[in-house]
Protein backbone atom coordinates (compact mmCIF):
# COMPACT_ATOMS: atom_id res chain seq x y z
CA UNK A 1 99.94 91.69 86.45
CA UNK A 2 101.76 92.36 89.61
CA UNK A 3 105.19 91.20 88.40
CA UNK A 4 104.68 93.53 84.91
CA UNK A 5 103.62 96.29 87.23
CA UNK A 6 106.24 95.89 89.58
CA UNK A 7 108.94 96.16 86.91
CA UNK A 8 106.99 99.25 85.00
CA UNK A 9 107.26 100.91 88.75
CA UNK A 10 111.13 100.05 89.11
CA UNK A 11 112.14 101.20 85.65
CA UNK A 12 110.06 104.15 85.72
CA UNK A 13 111.49 105.36 89.21
CA UNK A 14 115.07 104.36 88.23
CA UNK A 15 115.85 108.06 87.41
CA UNK A 16 115.33 109.29 90.96
CA UNK A 17 118.64 107.27 91.84
CA UNK A 18 119.99 110.64 90.70
CA UNK A 19 117.56 113.05 92.26
CA UNK A 20 119.03 115.61 94.46
CA UNK A 21 116.36 115.33 97.02
CA UNK A 22 115.75 111.76 96.91
CA UNK A 23 117.61 109.87 99.81
CA UNK A 24 116.39 106.30 99.00
CA UNK A 25 113.53 104.55 96.49
CA UNK A 26 112.30 101.54 98.51
CA UNK A 27 110.52 98.98 96.83
CA UNK A 28 108.70 95.79 97.74
CA UNK A 29 106.59 94.43 94.93
CA UNK A 30 104.06 97.11 93.74
CA UNK A 31 104.80 99.28 97.21
CA UNK A 32 107.13 102.04 96.62
CA UNK A 33 108.39 104.61 99.21
CA UNK A 34 110.39 107.45 98.28
CA UNK A 35 112.31 108.91 100.91
CA UNK A 36 112.55 112.97 100.53
CA UNK A 37 116.11 114.80 101.57
CA UNK A 38 117.37 118.07 101.74
CA UNK A 39 120.70 116.96 100.96
CA UNK A 40 121.23 113.87 99.07
CA UNK A 41 125.11 113.41 99.68
CA UNK A 42 125.16 113.80 103.35
CA UNK A 43 121.14 112.08 103.44
CA UNK A 44 120.13 115.45 105.52
CA UNK A 45 116.48 115.41 106.06
CA UNK A 46 114.35 118.45 105.60
CA UNK A 47 113.37 120.18 108.20
CA UNK A 48 110.11 118.85 109.58
CA UNK A 49 108.10 122.31 109.38
CA UNK A 50 108.72 122.18 105.66
CA UNK A 51 106.20 119.35 105.41
CA UNK A 52 108.00 118.20 102.09
CA UNK A 53 106.13 115.03 101.80
CA UNK A 54 102.84 116.75 102.36
CA UNK A 55 103.55 119.34 99.46
CA UNK A 56 104.48 116.74 97.07
CA UNK A 57 101.08 114.87 97.94
CA UNK A 58 99.59 118.34 97.12
CA UNK A 59 101.18 118.58 93.94
CA UNK A 60 100.00 115.27 92.97
CA UNK A 61 96.66 115.87 94.06
CA UNK A 62 96.73 118.77 91.49
CA UNK A 63 97.76 116.74 88.77
CA UNK A 64 94.83 114.11 89.51
CA UNK A 65 96.83 111.56 91.64
CA UNK A 66 96.55 110.59 95.23
CA UNK A 67 99.88 109.75 97.04
CA UNK A 68 100.52 109.14 100.77
CA UNK A 69 102.69 111.11 102.58
CA UNK A 70 104.30 109.61 105.73
CA UNK A 71 106.38 112.43 106.91
CA UNK A 72 109.11 113.01 104.45
CA UNK A 73 108.77 109.36 102.66
CA UNK A 74 105.97 109.24 99.86
CA UNK A 75 104.44 106.21 99.40
CA UNK A 76 103.07 104.94 95.90
CA UNK A 77 100.65 101.48 96.10
CA UNK A 78 98.99 101.40 92.70
CA UNK A 79 96.31 98.88 92.51
CA UNK A 80 97.30 95.34 90.71
CA UNK A 81 94.80 95.64 88.42
CA UNK A 82 95.95 98.97 86.99
CA UNK A 83 96.79 99.35 83.38
CA UNK A 84 100.31 99.65 82.26
CA UNK A 85 99.31 103.29 80.91
CA UNK A 86 98.24 104.68 84.57
CA UNK A 87 101.10 103.19 86.42
CA UNK A 88 103.46 104.73 83.94
CA UNK A 89 101.60 108.00 84.40
CA UNK A 90 101.58 107.53 88.24
CA UNK A 91 105.17 107.53 88.19
CA UNK A 92 105.64 110.44 85.88
CA UNK A 93 103.16 112.63 88.31
CA UNK A 94 105.08 111.25 91.18
CA UNK A 95 108.69 112.70 89.89
CA UNK A 96 106.87 115.99 88.81
CA UNK A 97 105.37 116.51 92.11
CA UNK A 98 108.89 115.77 93.79
CA UNK A 99 110.38 118.07 91.53
CA UNK A 100 107.59 120.87 91.75
CA UNK A 101 107.77 120.60 95.74
CA UNK A 102 111.67 120.61 95.96
CA UNK A 103 112.04 123.50 93.94
CA UNK A 104 109.51 125.50 95.76
CA UNK A 105 111.21 124.56 98.93
CA UNK A 106 114.48 125.58 97.55
CA UNK A 107 112.87 128.77 96.17
CA UNK A 108 112.05 129.42 99.68
CA UNK A 109 108.16 129.14 98.95
């Protein structure tokens, strides 16, 4: 199941390669770290007081998913036994939550 879930995560997160606030998506098997940045082109980090990773985790929690923020890196580590549908939904919620948090920061909230 791990090989299939790894592929599901990789394909689901592929769109983040173009996201203006994602510096890198680092994946090792089913462990994923999504680095959040203020400016992708210059690889400029968000100011620490913005707590961007924490804002993403809160947005995900409102959607019923627990993500782990490590500073401005959001970690996804689904259980190997999770059904494919749940992993796909996890990816969708992670992306939605990144969008929500970064849009709020851009809007000054």
